[in-house]
Amino acid sequence: MDPTNAGSADRSRQRRRGSAIVAGLGQCSLDYLCTIDQYPPVDTKCEFNDFLVQGGGPVATALVVLARWGISARFAGVVCRDRFGGVILEGLEDEQVDTSAVRIERGERSQFAFICVEKGTGKRTIFWGRPETSSFPAADVPEDFLGDAEALHLDGLFVEASLHLARKAKERNIPVILDAGSLRPGMLELVRHTDHLIAAENFIGRFRPEASLTTRLSELRKMGPQVVTVTLGERGSVSLWEDVPCRLPALRVEARDTTGAGDVFHGAYIYGLLQGWSVPERIRWATVAAGLSCRSLGGRAGIPALEEVRERLLEPGPFRNSNKIAD
């Protein structure tokens, strides 16, 4: 079913009544963002233009996307008892994301990042600090965390707990979606327990770098996922769910900031999965949503409304080089 037609709209209205739940475990952060005319050379001063403070993190932001689109979301992660942690939790709770499974630790600093975005290109440089917290062991995952969830979203940050939840999800036939941002320890084992792998270019670049992209996607799919996608920024994405890889160009859009675009892609893909859309429909929807999110500063500020994504999909030739997925 095409996500732009009336039948899909009916299903979307049903989802907005809260009939679906997505559980997510992973990273959460507080982002300080600003725009600059161009990245400065070393040992100089640089005046910034715009400034924004908002929550971030791959799984956390993907769940915010889903919550805004009417899907119930619950998040598990770790923050400190500091001001950053309080703002992170407040931001999620304001978005109606359930944070009851977030562990609050004694520590001086939750995770945060300074993000400088170049005007005109949307490209950014991220300076980030690790949280002064411990890991999130499997024993700390609430027994009822999955509950009646219809999807589980992970970013592999807490490997032990992620594997624990992924195995439980498999037992319950709950689809597991993995945001593979980097090839950190334990990620490949997690891939084996994943149904939908959406990887960043950094992850793919470090996985068998001597092989072609097609070979790498095929090898990852053989590990277990039904669908493997790699997002390539302004070059779109390449996916493999059958025997032939399919490429979709990026959305035609004037990008102001690409921060969080991948997180929005994940949230939108999960939304399409819950609607029962085909793989090409999910990827088209996610590509449009992610592209539209780049028009604003910050990963969450630019999350588009459902209606806007549908309208953009109906426009002729919304993608950079093609209006359909092609080999």
Protein backbone atom coordinates (compact mmCIF):
# COMPACT_ATOMS: atom_id res chain seq x y z
CA MET A 1 0.00 0.00 0.00
CA ASP A 2 1.38 3.43 -1.02
CA PRO A 3 1.91 5.62 2.07
CA THR A 4 0.34 8.58 0.26
CA ASN A 5 -3.05 7.02 -0.41
CA ALA A 6 -6.30 7.08 1.57
CA GLY A 7 -5.96 3.58 3.01
CA SER A 8 -2.62 4.43 4.54
CA ALA A 9 -4.05 7.65 5.94
CA ASP A 10 -6.77 5.65 7.70
CA ARG A 11 -4.16 3.39 9.27
CA SER A 12 -2.18 6.44 10.35
CA ARG A 13 -5.21 7.85 12.15
CA GLN A 14 -5.57 4.54 13.95
CA ARG A 15 -1.90 4.68 15.02
CA ARG A 16 -2.38 8.20 16.35
CA ARG A 17 -4.87 6.79 18.82
CA GLY A 18 -1.91 5.06 20.49
CA SER A 19 -2.44 1.48 19.31
CA ALA A 20 1.30 0.86 18.80
CA ILE A 21 4.23 0.99 21.20
CA VAL A 22 7.93 1.19 20.36
CA ALA A 23 10.57 0.49 23.00
CA GLY A 24 14.08 1.87 22.63
CA LEU A 25 17.37 1.50 24.47
CA GLY A 26 20.39 3.64 23.79
CA GLN A 27 22.09 6.97 23.89
CA CYS A 28 20.61 10.29 25.00
CA SER A 29 22.37 13.62 24.97
CA LEU A 30 21.98 17.35 25.36
CA ASP A 31 23.01 19.23 22.24
CA TYR A 32 24.24 22.83 22.06
CA LEU A 33 24.00 23.94 18.42
CA CYS A 34 25.11 27.06 16.58
CA THR A 35 25.67 28.14 12.99
CA ILE A 36 28.90 29.66 11.68
CA ASP A 37 29.76 31.16 8.29
CA GLN A 38 32.63 28.72 7.81
CA TYR A 39 34.76 26.49 9.98
CA PRO A 40 37.60 28.62 11.41
CA PRO A 41 41.33 27.91 11.30
CA VAL A 42 43.15 27.02 14.52
CA ASP A 43 43.85 29.75 17.11
CA THR A 44 41.28 32.26 15.84
CA LYS A 45 38.00 33.64 17.11
CA CYS A 46 34.74 32.83 15.37
CA GLU A 47 31.38 34.50 15.97
CA PHE A 48 28.36 32.21 15.78
CA ASN A 49 24.96 33.21 14.47
CA ASP A 50 22.09 31.08 15.75
CA PHE A 51 22.03 29.13 18.99
CA LEU A 52 19.81 26.31 20.17
CA VAL A 53 19.77 23.81 23.05
CA GLN A 54 17.81 20.59 22.66
CA GLY A 55 17.93 16.88 23.41
CA GLY A 56 19.67 14.46 21.10
CA GLY A 57 20.82 10.87 20.73
CA PRO A 58 20.00 8.31 18.01
CA VAL A 59 17.32 6.21 19.70
CA ALA A 60 15.97 9.07 21.81
CA THR A 61 15.38 11.30 18.77
CA ALA A 62 13.88 8.47 16.71
CA LEU A 63 11.39 7.89 19.53
CA VAL A 64 10.54 11.59 19.56
CA VAL A 65 9.69 11.29 15.85
CA LEU A 66 7.36 8.40 16.59
CA ALA A 67 5.77 10.14 19.58
CA ARG A 68 5.00 13.23 17.49
CA TRP A 69 3.40 10.98 14.90
CA GLY A 70 1.11 9.32 17.43
CA ILE A 71 3.09 6.22 18.35
CA SER A 72 3.57 5.46 22.05
CA ALA A 73 7.29 5.31 22.88
CA ARG A 74 9.30 4.24 25.91
CA PHE A 75 13.00 4.90 26.35
CA ALA A 76 15.73 3.29 28.47
CA GLY A 77 19.12 4.91 28.96
CA VAL A 78 21.33 6.60 31.55
CA VAL A 79 21.69 10.19 32.70
CA CYS A 80 23.42 11.83 35.66
CA ARG A 81 21.89 13.87 38.45
CA ASP A 82 23.09 17.06 36.83
CA ARG A 83 21.44 19.93 35.01
CA PHE A 84 22.11 18.29 31.63
CA GLY A 85 20.38 15.11 32.73
CA GLY A 86 17.38 17.02 33.97
CA VAL A 87 17.00 18.87 30.68
CA ILE A 88 17.39 15.62 28.70
CA LEU A 89 14.60 13.94 30.66
CA GLU A 90 12.38 17.01 30.55
CA GLY A 91 12.76 17.18 26.77
CA LEU A 92 11.71 13.56 26.34
CA GLU A 93 8.82 13.85 28.76
CA ASP A 94 7.58 17.00 27.02
CA GLU A 95 7.42 14.89 23.85
CA GLN A 96 5.34 12.25 25.69
CA VAL A 97 8.13 9.66 25.62
CA ASP A 98 7.97 7.32 28.63
CA THR A 99 11.23 7.71 30.59
CA SER A 100 10.39 5.47 33.55
CA ALA A 101 13.13 3.01 32.49
CA VAL A 102 15.86 5.68 32.40
CA ARG A 103 18.43 5.15 35.13
CA ILE A 104 19.53 8.31 36.94
CA GLU A 105 23.02 8.01 38.42
CA ARG A 106 25.15 10.10 40.70
CA GLY A 107 27.68 11.73 38.44
CA GLU A 108 28.92 15.15 37.49
CA ARG A 109 27.99 15.15 33.81
CA SER A 110 25.47 13.59 31.47
CA GLN A 111 26.40 13.28 27.81
CA PHE A 112 26.40 16.54 25.89
CA ALA A 113 27.68 17.90 22.60
CA PHE A 114 28.67 21.19 20.98
CA ILE A 115 27.64 21.19 17.32
CA CYS A 116 28.87 23.81 14.85
CA VAL A 117 26.91 23.94 11.61
CA GLU A 118 28.31 25.64 8.51
CA LYS A 119 25.92 28.09 6.89
CA GLY A 120 25.00 27.24 3.32
CA THR A 121 26.11 23.60 3.42
CA GLY A 122 24.36 22.17 6.49
CA LYS A 123 27.53 20.23 7.29
CA ARG A 124 28.47 20.11 10.93
CA THR A 125 31.32 19.40 13.31
CA ILE A 126 30.41 17.69 16.58
CA PHE A 127 32.38 17.96 19.79
CA TRP A 128 30.98 15.64 22.41
CA GLY A 129 31.71 14.48 25.93
CA ARG A 130 31.07 11.00 27.29
CA PRO A 131 28.67 10.79 30.22
CA GLU A 132 30.17 10.16 33.65
CA THR A 133 27.97 7.13 34.16
CA SER A 134 28.40 3.38 34.21
CA SER A 135 26.97 1.06 31.61
CA PHE A 136 23.42 -0.26 31.48
CA PRO A 137 23.64 -3.98 32.38
CA ALA A 138 20.96 -6.42 31.30
CA ALA A 139 19.95 -6.88 34.94
CA ASP A 140 18.81 -3.24 35.02
CA VAL A 141 16.37 -3.65 32.13
CA PRO A 142 12.85 -3.62 33.64
CA GLU A 143 11.17 -7.00 33.29
CA ASP A 144 8.18 -5.46 31.54
CA PHE A 145 10.17 -3.09 29.32
CA LEU A 146 9.14 -4.81 26.09
CA GLY A 147 5.63 -5.42 27.40
CA ASP A 148 3.23 -5.03 24.50
CA ALA A 149 5.77 -3.29 22.26
CA GLU A 150 5.46 -3.83 18.52
CA ALA A 151 9.06 -2.85 17.74
CA LEU A 152 12.41 -2.54 19.52
CA HIS A 153 14.90 0.14 18.50
CA LEU A 154 18.58 -0.08 19.49
CA ASP A 155 21.81 1.79 18.76
CA GLY A 156 24.21 -0.77 20.28
CA LEU A 157 25.52 1.60 22.95
CA PHE A 158 24.80 -0.82 25.83
CA VAL A 159 25.74 -4.10 24.16
CA GLU A 160 24.89 -6.50 26.99
CA ALA A 161 21.46 -5.02 27.61
CA SER A 162 20.85 -4.61 23.86
CA LEU A 163 21.57 -8.29 23.18
CA HIS A 164 19.36 -9.27 26.11
CA LEU A 165 16.45 -7.24 24.74
CA ALA A 166 17.05 -8.32 21.14
CA ARG A 167 16.90 -12.00 22.13
CA LYS A 168 13.71 -11.45 24.13
CA ALA A 169 12.21 -9.55 21.21
CA LYS A 170 13.02 -12.40 18.84
CA GLU A 171 11.28 -14.86 21.18
CA ARG A 172 8.16 -12.67 21.07
CA ASN A 173 8.35 -11.98 17.31
CA ILE A 174 8.94 -8.28 17.93
CA PRO A 175 10.97 -6.75 15.09
CA VAL A 176 14.38 -5.37 16.09
CA ILE A 177 15.67 -2.24 14.34
CA LEU A 178 19.34 -1.38 14.79
CA ASP A 179 20.89 2.04 14.20
CA ALA A 180 24.49 1.05 13.42
CA GLY A 181 26.32 4.34 13.65
CA SER A 182 29.79 2.91 14.23
CA LEU A 183 31.42 -0.51 14.39
CA ARG A 184 31.87 -0.58 18.16
CA PRO A 185 32.60 -3.86 20.04
CA GLY A 186 29.69 -6.29 20.05
CA MET A 187 27.86 -4.66 17.14
CA LEU A 188 28.25 -7.57 14.75
CA GLU A 189 26.83 -9.96 17.33
CA LEU A 190 23.89 -7.60 17.69
CA VAL A 191 23.45 -7.55 13.91
CA ARG A 192 22.79 -11.31 14.11
CA HIS A 193 19.77 -10.59 16.31
CA THR A 194 18.48 -7.72 14.17
CA ASP A 195 15.62 -7.74 11.66
CA HIS A 196 16.18 -4.30 10.15
CA LEU A 197 19.72 -2.92 10.02
CA ILE A 198 20.08 0.74 9.07
CA ALA A 199 23.76 1.61 9.06
CA ALA A 200 25.66 4.85 8.72
CA GLU A 201 28.42 5.24 6.15
CA ASN A 202 30.99 5.14 8.98
CA PHE A 203 29.83 1.66 10.03
CA ILE A 204 29.83 0.30 6.49
CA GLY A 205 33.21 1.88 5.81
CA ARG A 206 34.83 -0.09 8.64
CA PHE A 207 33.06 -3.37 7.88
CA ARG A 208 35.16 -5.30 5.33
CA PRO A 209 36.48 -2.08 3.70
CA GLU A 210 38.23 -4.07 0.97
CA ALA A 211 34.90 -5.36 -0.40
CA SER A 212 32.41 -3.60 -2.65
CA LEU A 213 29.36 -1.96 -1.09
CA THR A 214 27.11 -4.62 -2.61
CA THR A 215 29.22 -7.38 -1.09
CA ARG A 216 29.21 -5.73 2.31
CA LEU A 217 25.42 -5.32 2.29
CA SER A 218 25.04 -8.95 1.24
CA GLU A 219 27.39 -10.19 3.97
CA LEU A 220 25.53 -8.21 6.62
CA ARG A 221 22.19 -9.54 5.41
CA LYS A 222 23.48 -13.11 5.62
CA MET A 223 24.08 -12.52 9.33
CA GLY A 224 20.34 -12.33 9.94
CA PRO A 225 18.63 -9.03 9.05
CA GLN A 226 15.73 -9.13 6.59
CA VAL A 227 16.59 -5.64 5.36
CA VAL A 228 19.96 -3.87 5.31
CA THR A 229 20.19 -0.17 4.45
CA VAL A 230 23.15 2.20 4.45
CA THR A 231 22.42 5.92 4.54
CA LEU A 232 24.83 8.09 2.55
CA GLY A 233 23.76 11.65 3.35
CA GLU A 234 23.23 13.79 0.26
CA ARG A 235 23.92 10.70 -1.89
CA GLY A 236 20.79 8.99 -0.61
CA SER A 237 20.76 5.38 0.51
CA VAL A 238 21.32 1.84 -0.72
CA SER A 239 19.21 -1.07 0.54
CA LEU A 240 19.19 -4.81 0.16
CA TRP A 241 16.22 -6.98 1.04
CA GLU A 242 16.17 -9.33 -1.91
CA ASP A 243 19.03 -10.22 -4.24
CA VAL A 244 19.56 -6.88 -5.95
CA PRO A 245 20.63 -3.73 -4.05
CA CYS A 246 18.40 -0.72 -4.64
CA ARG A 247 19.46 2.90 -4.47
CA LEU A 248 17.28 5.88 -3.62
CA PRO A 249 18.64 9.41 -4.10
CA ALA A 250 18.25 11.99 -1.35
CA LEU A 251 15.37 14.45 -1.19
CA ARG A 252 15.66 17.73 -3.05
CA VAL A 253 15.95 20.19 -0.19
CA GLU A 254 18.01 23.18 0.86
CA ALA A 255 19.78 21.79 3.92
CA ARG A 256 20.44 24.06 6.88
CA ASP A 257 21.64 21.38 9.32
CA THR A 258 22.03 17.63 8.86
CA THR A 259 22.21 16.92 12.61
CA GLY A 260 19.78 14.14 13.53
CA ALA A 261 18.73 13.39 9.95
CA GLY A 262 19.74 9.75 10.36
CA ASP A 263 17.78 9.52 13.62
CA VAL A 264 14.69 10.90 11.87
CA PHE A 265 15.24 8.35 9.08
CA HIS A 266 15.13 5.54 11.65
CA GLY A 267 12.02 6.83 13.35
CA ALA A 268 10.25 7.27 10.02
CA TYR A 269 11.29 3.81 8.83
CA ILE A 270 9.85 2.27 12.01
CA TYR A 271 6.65 4.23 11.48
CA GLY A 272 6.30 2.72 8.00
CA LEU A 273 7.05 -0.74 9.37
CA LEU A 274 4.21 -0.38 11.88
CA GLN A 275 1.86 0.67 9.09
CA GLY A 276 2.63 -2.51 7.17
CA TRP A 277 4.16 -0.70 4.21
CA SER A 278 6.52 -2.44 1.79
CA VAL A 279 10.28 -1.92 2.05
CA PRO A 280 10.44 0.60 -0.85
CA GLU A 281 7.57 2.58 0.70
CA ARG A 282 9.28 2.69 4.08
CA ILE A 283 12.54 3.87 2.55
CA ARG A 284 10.83 6.55 0.45
CA TRP A 285 8.94 7.81 3.50
CA ALA A 286 12.06 7.80 5.69
CA THR A 287 14.10 9.59 3.01
CA VAL A 288 11.55 12.39 2.70
CA ALA A 289 11.19 12.79 6.47
CA ALA A 290 14.96 12.87 6.99
CA GLY A 291 15.46 15.35 4.16
CA LEU A 292 12.78 17.71 5.46
CA SER A 293 14.35 17.61 8.93
CA CYS A 294 17.52 19.20 7.52
CA ARG A 295 15.78 22.53 6.91
CA SER A 296 16.02 23.52 10.60
CA LEU A 297 18.80 23.79 13.14
CA GLY A 298 18.86 20.77 15.45
CA GLY A 299 17.85 17.13 15.13
CA ARG A 300 14.40 17.54 16.69
CA ALA A 301 13.42 21.08 15.75
CA GLY A 302 12.99 20.12 12.10
CA ILE A 303 10.98 16.90 12.49
CA PRO A 304 8.23 17.30 9.87
CA ALA A 305 4.54 16.67 10.45
CA LEU A 306 2.99 13.54 8.96
CA GLU A 307 0.91 15.59 6.54
CA GLU A 308 3.97 17.41 5.25
CA VAL A 309 5.79 14.15 4.49
CA ARG A 310 2.74 12.86 2.60
CA GLU A 311 2.42 16.07 0.61
CA ARG A 312 6.10 16.04 -0.36
CA LEU A 313 5.82 12.42 -1.53
CA LEU A 314 2.98 13.46 -3.84
CA GLU A 315 5.08 16.12 -5.54
CA PRO A 316 6.55 15.14 -8.92
CA GLY A 317 10.22 14.14 -8.71
CA PRO A 318 10.87 14.89 -5.03
CA PHE A 319 14.24 13.14 -5.08
CA ARG A 320 17.49 14.51 -6.40
CA ASN A 321 17.89 12.35 -9.49
CA SER A 322 14.89 10.04 -9.58
CA ASN A 323 11.39 9.68 -8.14
CA LYS A 324 11.70 5.96 -7.57
CA ILE A 325 14.06 3.41 -6.11
CA ALA A 326 16.36 2.15 -8.81
CA ASP A 327 19.18 -0.36 -8.98
